[in-house]
């Protein structure tokens, strides 16, 4: 194949140029993945311009340069095209971020307005409910006739208050019967007996509930910018991307975790609160290990 056959037009997408070059040299996806030490899905993502699965930008540039060397492509043109793609993607992300922030602010303002309205309505209902309380009943007067020894009748006026609370508590009646039968200690009053169930209910409501947990925790403190990728025991990716200097990342999940660190020597790693020693990994390449560390 000559360079004229492999030369691509600027209007053709970067991923299409990579794919066409590979196909012109009759190199399969699996063969290319083996050469670049990637998976077939990552090769398809690279040719589809989905760089989210390929790690940092430096790695992506390295893969594109490998294509250029393998298939005699114009490296300068492809790298310029890749830079333009990144600039456009960053502009779209900034626009999306501003729009998301504006929508979040509008949502917070709307929720605050709803809370004010709910507070006003609740206060109005409470005042209305208090005004519905029935006024206390005036004491009823009753005349009792008493006959003295001289058979003189004197009207005696007494006040009889209405019964505010009827003795309809079965627990209280049983307690009174026990006091009369001698089953309850004399020092214990009915008021104390009546208060016992209430105390027991309060204690039951305050009794703490235990919840068993079987999750493991990873804590990473980044002393400089570093790339990280973590998969849990179910194969689900729980962390990915470049973490900035000073960032503290805490993850919970099911062990074992598969961890890949770009600059492991500037990252402090703790597993379930214990500091993990990863200083034995080479500093000139990625550190790949599992948590907990295998013996």
C-alpha atoms as a PDB file:
ATOM      1  CA  UNK A   1       0.000   0.000   0.000  1.00  0.00           C
ATOM      2  CA  UNK A   2       1.291   3.479  -0.894  1.00  0.00           C
ATOM      3  CA  UNK A   3       0.939   6.601   1.187  1.00  0.00           C
ATOM      4  CA  UNK A   4      -1.445   8.039  -1.450  1.00  0.00           C
ATOM      5  CA  UNK A   5      -3.888   5.220  -0.761  1.00  0.00           C
ATOM      6  CA  UNK A   6      -3.675   5.722   3.001  1.00  0.00           C
ATOM      7  CA  UNK A   7      -3.847   9.529   2.898  1.00  0.00           C
ATOM      8  CA  UNK A   8      -7.129  10.724   4.395  1.00  0.00           C
ATOM      9  CA  UNK A   9      -9.082  13.886   3.694  1.00  0.00           C
ATOM     10  CA  UNK A  10      -9.355  16.409   6.577  1.00  0.00           C
ATOM     11  CA  UNK A  11     -13.136  16.133   6.471  1.00  0.00           C
ATOM     12  CA  UNK A  12     -13.002  12.460   7.441  1.00  0.00           C
ATOM     13  CA  UNK A  13     -13.325  11.841  11.161  1.00  0.00           C
ATOM     14  CA  UNK A  14     -10.274  10.765  13.104  1.00  0.00           C
ATOM     15  CA  UNK A  15     -11.770   7.446  14.178  1.00  0.00           C
ATOM     16  CA  UNK A  16     -12.782   6.623  10.599  1.00  0.00           C
ATOM     17  CA  UNK A  17      -9.229   7.288   9.411  1.00  0.00           C
ATOM     18  CA  UNK A  18      -7.832   4.900  12.015  1.00  0.00           C
ATOM     19  CA  UNK A  19     -10.389   2.218  11.163  1.00  0.00           C
ATOM     20  CA  UNK A  20      -9.847   2.561   7.393  1.00  0.00           C
ATOM     21  CA  UNK A  21      -6.079   2.323   7.790  1.00  0.00           C
ATOM     22  CA  UNK A  22      -6.360  -0.839   9.879  1.00  0.00           C
ATOM     23  CA  UNK A  23      -8.747  -2.452   7.392  1.00  0.00           C
ATOM     24  CA  UNK A  24      -6.552  -1.534   4.415  1.00  0.00           C
ATOM     25  CA  UNK A  25      -3.683  -3.407   6.017  1.00  0.00           C
ATOM     26  CA  UNK A  26      -6.018  -6.358   6.786  1.00  0.00           C
ATOM     27  CA  UNK A  27      -5.429  -6.092  10.516  1.00  0.00           C
ATOM     28  CA  UNK A  28      -8.316  -7.326  12.645  1.00  0.00           C
ATOM     29  CA  UNK A  29      -9.569  -5.632  15.796  1.00  0.00           C
ATOM     30  CA  UNK A  30      -8.220  -8.453  17.960  1.00  0.00           C
ATOM     31  CA  UNK A  31      -4.791  -8.250  16.338  1.00  0.00           C
ATOM     32  CA  UNK A  32      -4.637  -4.498  16.866  1.00  0.00           C
ATOM     33  CA  UNK A  33      -5.771  -4.906  20.457  1.00  0.00           C
ATOM     34  CA  UNK A  34      -2.960  -7.415  21.016  1.00  0.00           C
ATOM     35  CA  UNK A  35      -0.378  -5.016  19.558  1.00  0.00           C
ATOM     36  CA  UNK A  36      -1.519  -2.086  21.743  1.00  0.00           C
ATOM     37  CA  UNK A  37      -2.159  -4.308  24.785  1.00  0.00           C
ATOM     38  CA  UNK A  38      -5.810  -3.239  24.864  1.00  0.00           C
ATOM     39  CA  UNK A  39      -9.126  -5.050  24.650  1.00  0.00           C
ATOM     40  CA  UNK A  40     -11.185  -5.338  21.481  1.00  0.00           C
ATOM     41  CA  UNK A  41     -13.820  -3.059  23.033  1.00  0.00           C
ATOM     42  CA  UNK A  42     -11.203  -0.384  23.701  1.00  0.00           C
ATOM     43  CA  UNK A  43     -10.017  -0.554  20.078  1.00  0.00           C
ATOM     44  CA  UNK A  44     -13.616  -0.133  18.901  1.00  0.00           C
ATOM     45  CA  UNK A  45     -14.032   2.786  21.333  1.00  0.00           C
ATOM     46  CA  UNK A  46     -10.852   4.447  19.986  1.00  0.00           C
ATOM     47  CA  UNK A  47     -12.030   4.105  16.382  1.00  0.00           C
ATOM     48  CA  UNK A  48     -15.483   5.276  17.440  1.00  0.00           C
ATOM     49  CA  UNK A  49     -13.943   8.374  19.134  1.00  0.00           C
ATOM     50  CA  UNK A  50     -15.256   7.331  22.530  1.00  0.00           C
ATOM     51  CA  UNK A  51     -12.206   8.133  24.651  1.00  0.00           C
ATOM     52  CA  UNK A  52     -13.896   7.726  28.025  1.00  0.00           C
ATOM     53  CA  UNK A  53     -12.782   4.066  28.241  1.00  0.00           C
ATOM     54  CA  UNK A  54      -9.123   4.712  27.346  1.00  0.00           C
ATOM     55  CA  UNK A  55      -7.821   6.571  30.384  1.00  0.00           C
ATOM     56  CA  UNK A  56      -6.022   9.927  30.426  1.00  0.00           C
ATOM     57  CA  UNK A  57      -5.457  12.028  27.305  1.00  0.00           C
ATOM     58  CA  UNK A  58      -1.774  11.049  27.272  1.00  0.00           C
ATOM     59  CA  UNK A  59      -2.731   7.404  26.783  1.00  0.00           C
ATOM     60  CA  UNK A  60      -5.116   8.250  23.929  1.00  0.00           C
ATOM     61  CA  UNK A  61      -2.418  10.245  22.143  1.00  0.00           C
ATOM     62  CA  UNK A  62      -0.063   7.304  22.496  1.00  0.00           C
ATOM     63  CA  UNK A  63      -2.593   4.942  20.899  1.00  0.00           C
ATOM     64  CA  UNK A  64      -3.107   7.316  17.954  1.00  0.00           C
ATOM     65  CA  UNK A  65       0.666   7.585  17.448  1.00  0.00           C
ATOM     66  CA  UNK A  66       0.866   3.784  17.452  1.00  0.00           C
ATOM     67  CA  UNK A  67      -1.687   3.705  14.615  1.00  0.00           C
ATOM     68  CA  UNK A  68       0.365   6.283  12.697  1.00  0.00           C
ATOM     69  CA  UNK A  69       3.584   4.271  13.041  1.00  0.00           C
ATOM     70  CA  UNK A  70       1.853   0.983  12.237  1.00  0.00           C
ATOM     71  CA  UNK A  71       0.004   2.182   9.123  1.00  0.00           C
ATOM     72  CA  UNK A  72       2.201   5.102   7.940  1.00  0.00           C
ATOM     73  CA  UNK A  73      -0.363   7.775   8.715  1.00  0.00           C
ATOM     74  CA  UNK A  74       0.372  11.513   8.999  1.00  0.00           C
ATOM     75  CA  UNK A  75       0.901  11.874  12.735  1.00  0.00           C
ATOM     76  CA  UNK A  76       0.913  15.698  12.758  1.00  0.00           C
ATOM     77  CA  UNK A  77      -2.445  15.954  10.963  1.00  0.00           C
ATOM     78  CA  UNK A  78      -4.097  13.364  13.185  1.00  0.00           C
ATOM     79  CA  UNK A  79      -2.798  14.902  16.405  1.00  0.00           C
ATOM     80  CA  UNK A  80      -4.016  18.348  15.259  1.00  0.00           C
ATOM     81  CA  UNK A  81      -7.424  16.884  14.502  1.00  0.00           C
ATOM     82  CA  UNK A  82      -7.481  15.191  17.922  1.00  0.00           C
ATOM     83  CA  UNK A  83      -6.641  18.516  19.637  1.00  0.00           C
ATOM     84  CA  UNK A  84      -9.534  20.221  17.824  1.00  0.00           C
ATOM     85  CA  UNK A  85     -11.862  17.446  18.962  1.00  0.00           C
ATOM     86  CA  UNK A  86     -10.790  17.929  22.574  1.00  0.00           C
ATOM     87  CA  UNK A  87     -11.303  21.706  22.400  1.00  0.00           C
ATOM     88  CA  UNK A  88     -14.821  21.254  20.998  1.00  0.00           C
ATOM     89  CA  UNK A  89     -15.622  18.643  23.651  1.00  0.00           C
ATOM     90  CA  UNK A  90     -14.414  20.960  26.419  1.00  0.00           C
ATOM     91  CA  UNK A  91     -16.559  23.803  25.080  1.00  0.00           C
ATOM     92  CA  UNK A  92     -19.605  21.526  25.052  1.00  0.00           C
ATOM     93  CA  UNK A  93     -18.862  20.371  28.587  1.00  0.00           C
ATOM     94  CA  UNK A  94     -18.498  23.950  29.844  1.00  0.00           C
ATOM     95  CA  UNK A  95     -21.783  24.931  28.215  1.00  0.00           C
ATOM     96  CA  UNK A  96     -23.486  21.889  29.714  1.00  0.00           C
ATOM     97  CA  UNK A  97     -21.990  22.617  33.141  1.00  0.00           C
ATOM     98  CA  UNK A  98     -23.245  26.218  33.094  1.00  0.00           C
ATOM     99  CA  UNK A  99     -26.709  25.086  32.038  1.00  0.00           C
ATOM    100  CA  UNK A 100     -26.775  22.405  34.733  1.00  0.00           C
ATOM    101  CA  UNK A 101     -25.683  24.905  37.381  1.00  0.00           C
ATOM    102  CA  UNK A 102     -28.374  27.346  36.320  1.00  0.00           C
ATOM    103  CA  UNK A 103     -31.042  24.623  36.425  1.00  0.00           C
ATOM    104  CA  UNK A 104     -29.864  23.515  39.868  1.00  0.00           C
ATOM    105  CA  UNK A 105     -30.106  27.094  41.147  1.00  0.00           C
ATOM    106  CA  UNK A 106     -33.632  27.411  39.746  1.00  0.00           C
ATOM    107  CA  UNK A 107     -34.616  24.134  41.398  1.00  0.00           C
ATOM    108  CA  UNK A 108     -33.276  25.272  44.773  1.00  0.00           C
ATOM    109  CA  UNK A 109     -35.198  28.536  44.491  1.00  0.00           C
ATOM    110  CA  UNK A 110     -38.370  26.655  43.602  1.00  0.00           C
ATOM    111  CA  UNK A 111     -37.957  24.261  46.555  1.00  0.00           C
ATOM    112  CA  UNK A 112     -37.383  27.189  48.906  1.00  0.00           C
ATOM    113  CA  UNK A 113     -40.567  28.843  47.631  1.00  0.00           C
ATOM    114  CA  UNK A 114     -42.523  25.626  48.158  1.00  0.00           C
ATOM    115  CA  UNK A 115     -41.177  25.366  51.708  1.00  0.00           C
ATOM    116  CA  UNK A 116     -42.294  28.926  52.525  1.00  0.00           C
ATOM    117  CA  UNK A 117     -45.773  28.239  51.116  1.00  0.00           C
ATOM    118  CA  UNK A 118     -46.037  24.967  53.053  1.00  0.00           C
ATOM    119  CA  UNK A 119     -44.985  26.736  56.269  1.00  0.00           C
ATOM    120  CA  UNK A 120     -47.638  29.437  55.810  1.00  0.00           C
ATOM    121  CA  UNK A 121     -50.370  26.881  55.084  1.00  0.00           C
ATOM    122  CA  UNK A 122     -49.306  24.705  58.046  1.00  0.00           C
ATOM    123  CA  UNK A 123     -49.333  27.665  60.440  1.00  0.00           C
ATOM    124  CA  UNK A 124     -52.801  28.707  59.245  1.00  0.00           C
ATOM    125  CA  UNK A 125     -54.176  25.184  59.726  1.00  0.00           C
ATOM    126  CA  UNK A 126     -52.685  24.957  63.217  1.00  0.00           C
ATOM    127  CA  UNK A 127     -54.246  28.252  64.297  1.00  0.00           C
ATOM    128  CA  UNK A 128     -57.604  27.194  62.835  1.00  0.00           C
ATOM    129  CA  UNK A 129     -57.446  23.865  64.655  1.00  0.00           C
ATOM    130  CA  UNK A 130     -56.683  25.566  67.990  1.00  0.00           C
ATOM    131  CA  UNK A 131     -59.727  27.816  67.587  1.00  0.00           C
ATOM    132  CA  UNK A 132     -61.935  24.702  67.306  1.00  0.00           C
ATOM    133  CA  UNK A 133     -61.215  23.635  70.892  1.00  0.00           C
ATOM    134  CA  UNK A 134     -64.402  23.488  73.032  1.00  0.00           C
ATOM    135  CA  UNK A 135     -64.588  25.997  75.922  1.00  0.00           C
ATOM    136  CA  UNK A 136     -64.459  24.412  79.413  1.00  0.00           C
ATOM    137  CA  UNK A 137     -67.874  23.518  80.954  1.00  0.00           C
ATOM    138  CA  UNK A 138     -68.927  25.625  83.945  1.00  0.00           C
ATOM    139  CA  UNK A 139     -69.378  23.785  87.282  1.00  0.00           C
ATOM    140  CA  UNK A 140     -72.916  22.508  87.875  1.00  0.00           C
ATOM    141  CA  UNK A 141     -74.500  23.469  91.164  1.00  0.00           C
ATOM    142  CA  UNK A 142     -76.581  20.975  93.112  1.00  0.00           C
ATOM    143  CA  UNK A 143     -78.670  21.535  96.246  1.00  0.00           C
ATOM    144  CA  UNK A 144     -78.472  18.863  98.905  1.00  0.00           C
ATOM    145  CA  UNK A 145     -81.076  18.757 101.687  1.00  0.00           C
ATOM    146  CA  UNK A 146     -79.739  17.944 105.127  1.00  0.00           C
ATOM    147  CA  UNK A 147     -82.030  17.242 108.136  1.00  0.00           C
ATOM    148  CA  UNK A 148     -80.689  18.365 111.467  1.00  0.00           C
ATOM    149  CA  UNK A 149     -81.608  16.957 114.860  1.00  0.00           C
ATOM    150  CA  UNK A 150     -84.264  19.709 115.304  1.00  0.00           C
ATOM    151  CA  UNK A 151     -85.831  18.682 111.992  1.00  0.00           C
ATOM    152  CA  UNK A 152     -84.778  21.938 110.388  1.00  0.00           C
ATOM    153  CA  UNK A 153     -84.073  21.803 106.729  1.00  0.00           C
ATOM    154  CA  UNK A 154     -81.056  23.752 105.525  1.00  0.00           C
ATOM    155  CA  UNK A 155     -80.260  24.073 101.861  1.00  0.00           C
ATOM    156  CA  UNK A 156     -76.611  23.247 101.275  1.00  0.00           C
ATOM    157  CA  UNK A 157     -75.112  24.184  97.965  1.00  0.00           C
ATOM    158  CA  UNK A 158     -72.158  22.145  96.676  1.00  0.00           C
ATOM    159  CA  UNK A 159     -70.218  22.338  93.473  1.00  0.00           C
ATOM    160  CA  UNK A 160     -70.085  19.228  91.327  1.00  0.00           C
ATOM    161  CA  UNK A 161     -67.523  19.370  88.602  1.00  0.00           C
ATOM    162  CA  UNK A 162     -68.098  17.324  85.456  1.00  0.00           C
ATOM    163  CA  UNK A 163     -65.851  14.311  85.081  1.00  0.00           C
ATOM    164  CA  UNK A 164     -63.144  15.382  82.667  1.00  0.00           C
ATOM    165  CA  UNK A 165     -61.655  11.941  82.223  1.00  0.00           C
ATOM    166  CA  UNK A 166     -63.720   8.818  82.746  1.00  0.00           C
ATOM    167  CA  UNK A 167     -62.021   5.886  84.414  1.00  0.00           C
ATOM    168  CA  UNK A 168     -62.226   3.790  81.321  1.00  0.00           C
ATOM    169  CA  UNK A 169     -58.669   2.514  81.429  1.00  0.00           C
ATOM    170  CA  UNK A 170     -58.718  -1.215  81.928  1.00  0.00           C
ATOM    171  CA  UNK A 171     -55.081  -1.184  82.998  1.00  0.00           C
ATOM    172  CA  UNK A 172     -55.834   1.400  85.707  1.00  0.00           C
ATOM    173  CA  UNK A 173     -58.844  -0.601  86.986  1.00  0.00           C
ATOM    174  CA  UNK A 174     -56.794  -3.771  87.198  1.00  0.00           C
ATOM    175  CA  UNK A 175     -54.071  -1.900  89.049  1.00  0.00           C
ATOM    176  CA  UNK A 176     -56.602  -0.527  91.566  1.00  0.00           C
ATOM    177  CA  UNK A 177     -58.015  -4.033  92.155  1.00  0.00           C
ATOM    178  CA  UNK A 178     -54.564  -5.383  92.762  1.00  0.00           C
ATOM    179  CA  UNK A 179     -53.911  -2.689  95.332  1.00  0.00           C
ATOM    180  CA  UNK A 180     -57.125  -3.601  97.134  1.00  0.00           C
ATOM    181  CA  UNK A 181     -56.373  -7.349  96.985  1.00  0.00           C
ATOM    182  CA  UNK A 182     -52.864  -6.822  98.318  1.00  0.00           C
ATOM    183  CA  UNK A 183     -51.127  -7.984  95.090  1.00  0.00           C
ATOM    184  CA  UNK A 184     -49.324  -4.669  94.687  1.00  0.00           C
ATOM    185  CA  UNK A 185     -46.994  -3.073  97.198  1.00  0.00           C
ATOM    186  CA  UNK A 186     -48.713  -0.338  99.243  1.00  0.00           C
ATOM    187  CA  UNK A 187     -45.925   2.157  98.583  1.00  0.00           C
ATOM    188  CA  UNK A 188     -46.763   2.181  94.859  1.00  0.00           C
ATOM    189  CA  UNK A 189     -49.469   4.727  94.014  1.00  0.00           C
ATOM    190  CA  UNK A 190     -51.938   4.523  91.146  1.00  0.00           C
ATOM    191  CA  UNK A 191     -50.209   7.488  89.502  1.00  0.00           C
ATOM    192  CA  UNK A 192     -46.944   5.498  89.475  1.00  0.00           C
ATOM    193  CA  UNK A 193     -48.687   2.455  88.034  1.00  0.00           C
ATOM    194  CA  UNK A 194     -50.313   4.588  85.384  1.00  0.00           C
ATOM    195  CA  UNK A 195     -46.953   6.094  84.420  1.00  0.00           C
ATOM    196  CA  UNK A 196     -45.188   2.720  83.997  1.00  0.00           C
ATOM    197  CA  UNK A 197     -46.599   1.782  80.540  1.00  0.00           C
ATOM    198  CA  UNK A 198     -45.780   5.268  79.248  1.00  0.00           C
ATOM    199  CA  UNK A 199     -42.148   4.961  80.345  1.00  0.00           C
ATOM    200  CA  UNK A 200     -41.898   1.541  78.745  1.00  0.00           C
ATOM    201  CA  UNK A 201     -43.254   2.836  75.420  1.00  0.00           C
ATOM    202  CA  UNK A 202     -40.761   5.695  75.344  1.00  0.00           C
ATOM    203  CA  UNK A 203     -37.865   3.318  76.004  1.00  0.00           C
ATOM    204  CA  UNK A 204     -39.049   0.963  73.265  1.00  0.00           C
ATOM    205  CA  UNK A 205     -39.246   3.809  70.779  1.00  0.00           C
ATOM    206  CA  UNK A 206     -35.739   4.923  71.695  1.00  0.00           C
ATOM    207  CA  UNK A 207     -34.250   1.442  71.573  1.00  0.00           C
ATOM    208  CA  UNK A 208     -31.482   1.483  68.973  1.00  0.00           C
ATOM    209  CA  UNK A 209     -31.770  -0.741  65.961  1.00  0.00           C
ATOM    210  CA  UNK A 210     -28.778  -2.642  64.660  1.00  0.00           C
ATOM    211  CA  UNK A 211     -28.076  -2.924  60.958  1.00  0.00           C
ATOM    212  CA  UNK A 212     -25.528  -5.439  59.787  1.00  0.00           C
ATOM    213  CA  UNK A 213     -23.158  -4.223  57.126  1.00  0.00           C
ATOM    214  CA  UNK A 214     -20.793  -6.217  54.950  1.00  0.00           C
ATOM    215  CA  UNK A 215     -19.274  -3.441  52.841  1.00  0.00           C
ATOM    216  CA  UNK A 216     -15.588  -2.570  52.596  1.00  0.00           C
ATOM    217  CA  UNK A 217     -14.183   0.950  52.426  1.00  0.00           C
ATOM    218  CA  UNK A 218     -11.347   2.406  50.340  1.00  0.00           C
ATOM    219  CA  UNK A 219      -9.959   5.864  51.142  1.00  0.00           C
ATOM    220  CA  UNK A 220      -7.450   7.506  48.793  1.00  0.00           C
ATOM    221  CA  UNK A 221      -5.677  10.819  49.459  1.00  0.00           C
ATOM    222  CA  UNK A 222      -4.082  12.347  46.355  1.00  0.00           C
ATOM    223  CA  UNK A 223      -0.959  14.405  47.038  1.00  0.00           C
ATOM    224  CA  UNK A 224      -0.765  15.326  43.346  1.00  0.00           C
ATOM    225  CA  UNK A 225      -2.787  14.798  40.157  1.00  0.00           C
ATOM    226  CA  UNK A 226      -3.139  11.087  39.394  1.00  0.00           C
ATOM    227  CA  UNK A 227      -5.280   8.813  37.278  1.00  0.00           C
ATOM    228  CA  UNK A 228      -7.243   5.998  38.944  1.00  0.00           C
ATOM    229  CA  UNK A 229      -9.587   3.185  37.919  1.00  0.00           C
ATOM    230  CA  UNK A 230     -11.318   0.802  40.391  1.00  0.00           C
ATOM    231  CA  UNK A 231     -13.592  -2.208  39.823  1.00  0.00           C
ATOM    232  CA  UNK A 232     -15.513  -3.945  42.628  1.00  0.00           C
ATOM    233  CA  UNK A 233     -16.054  -7.682  43.154  1.00  0.00           C
ATOM    234  CA  UNK A 234     -19.032  -7.684  40.752  1.00  0.00           C
ATOM    235  CA  UNK A 235     -16.930  -6.226  37.936  1.00  0.00           C
ATOM    236  CA  UNK A 236     -18.608  -2.831  38.144  1.00  0.00           C
ATOM    237  CA  UNK A 237     -16.385   0.218  37.712  1.00  0.00           C
ATOM    238  CA  UNK A 238     -16.840   2.372  40.812  1.00  0.00           C
ATOM    239  CA  UNK A 239     -14.139   5.010  40.146  1.00  0.00           C
ATOM    240  CA  UNK A 240     -12.455   6.352  37.028  1.00  0.00           C
ATOM    241  CA  UNK A 241     -10.613   9.457  35.899  1.00  0.00           C
ATOM    242  CA  UNK A 242      -7.978  11.970  36.956  1.00  0.00           C
ATOM    243  CA  UNK A 243      -8.182  13.124  40.575  1.00  0.00           C
ATOM    244  CA  UNK A 244      -6.761  16.521  41.488  1.00  0.00           C
ATOM    245  CA  UNK A 245      -4.143  17.310  44.104  1.00  0.00           C
ATOM    246  CA  UNK A 246      -5.552  17.288  47.652  1.00  0.00           C
ATOM    247  CA  UNK A 247      -8.661  15.289  46.697  1.00  0.00           C
ATOM    248  CA  UNK A 248      -9.804  12.638  49.194  1.00  0.00           C
ATOM    249  CA  UNK A 249     -11.873   9.858  47.640  1.00  0.00           C
ATOM    250  CA  UNK A 250     -13.894   7.416  49.767  1.00  0.00           C
ATOM    251  CA  UNK A 251     -15.600   4.375  48.221  1.00  0.00           C
ATOM    252  CA  UNK A 252     -17.742   1.632  49.728  1.00  0.00           C
ATOM    253  CA  UNK A 253     -18.444  -1.654  48.053  1.00  0.00           C
ATOM    254  CA  UNK A 254     -17.826  -5.376  47.927  1.00  0.00           C
ATOM    255  CA  UNK A 255     -14.232  -6.630  48.009  1.00  0.00           C
ATOM    256  CA  UNK A 256     -11.994  -7.637  46.360  1.00  0.00           C
ATOM    257  CA  UNK A 257     -11.360  -4.406  44.415  1.00  0.00           C
ATOM    258  CA  UNK A 258      -9.167  -4.265  41.291  1.00  0.00           C
ATOM    259  CA  UNK A 259      -7.200  -0.988  41.379  1.00  0.00           C
ATOM    260  CA  UNK A 260      -5.088   0.744  38.711  1.00  0.00           C
ATOM    261  CA  UNK A 261      -3.123   3.875  39.724  1.00  0.00           C
ATOM    262  CA  UNK A 262      -1.186   6.156  37.385  1.00  0.00           C
ATOM    263  CA  UNK A 263       1.122   7.703  40.036  1.00  0.00           C
ATOM    264  CA  UNK A 264       0.772   5.402  43.016  1.00  0.00           C
ATOM    265  CA  UNK A 265       3.736   6.957  44.831  1.00  0.00           C
ATOM    266  CA  UNK A 266       1.796  10.193  45.439  1.00  0.00           C
ATOM    267  CA  UNK A 267      -1.385   8.457  46.667  1.00  0.00           C
ATOM    268  CA  UNK A 268      -2.074   7.266  50.237  1.00  0.00           C
ATOM    269  CA  UNK A 269      -4.367   4.213  50.154  1.00  0.00           C
ATOM    270  CA  UNK A 270      -6.356   2.943  53.140  1.00  0.00           C
ATOM    271  CA  UNK A 271      -8.491  -0.215  53.142  1.00  0.00           C
ATOM    272  CA  UNK A 272     -11.041  -0.444  55.964  1.00  0.00           C
ATOM    273  CA  UNK A 273      -9.042   2.205  57.843  1.00  0.00           C
ATOM    274  CA  UNK A 274      -5.635   0.461  57.486  1.00  0.00           C
ATOM    275  CA  UNK A 275      -2.860   2.143  55.465  1.00  0.00           C
ATOM    276  CA  UNK A 276      -1.759  -0.028  52.521  1.00  0.00           C
ATOM    277  CA  UNK A 277       1.920  -0.149  51.524  1.00  0.00           C
ATOM    278  CA  UNK A 278       2.194   0.116  47.712  1.00  0.00           C
ATOM    279  CA  UNK A 279       5.707   1.551  47.621  1.00  0.00           C
ATOM    280  CA  UNK A 280       7.115  -1.662  46.123  1.00  0.00           C
ATOM    281  CA  UNK A 281       5.459  -1.023  42.746  1.00  0.00           C
ATOM    282  CA  UNK A 282       7.691   0.500  40.001  1.00  0.00           C
ATOM    283  CA  UNK A 283       7.328   4.271  39.668  1.00  0.00           C
ATOM    284  CA  UNK A 284       7.704   4.326  35.872  1.00  0.00           C
ATOM    285  CA  UNK A 285       4.500   2.439  35.053  1.00  0.00           C
ATOM    286  CA  UNK A 286       0.939   1.847  36.223  1.00  0.00           C
ATOM    287  CA  UNK A 287       0.394   0.118  39.547  1.00  0.00           C
ATOM    288  CA  UNK A 288      -2.142  -2.699  39.283  1.00  0.00           C
ATOM    289  CA  UNK A 289      -3.194  -4.505  42.468  1.00  0.00           C
ATOM    290  CA  UNK A 290      -6.167  -5.878  44.387  1.00  0.00           C
ATOM    291  CA  UNK A 291      -7.598  -4.810  47.743  1.00  0.00           C
ATOM    292  CA  UNK A 292      -7.163  -6.514  50.095  1.00  0.00           C
ATOM    293  CA  UNK A 293      -3.600  -7.169  48.993  1.00  0.00           C
ATOM    294  CA  UNK A 294      -2.931 -10.826  48.293  1.00  0.00           C
ATOM    295  CA  UNK A 295      -0.299 -12.504  50.381  1.00  0.00           C
END
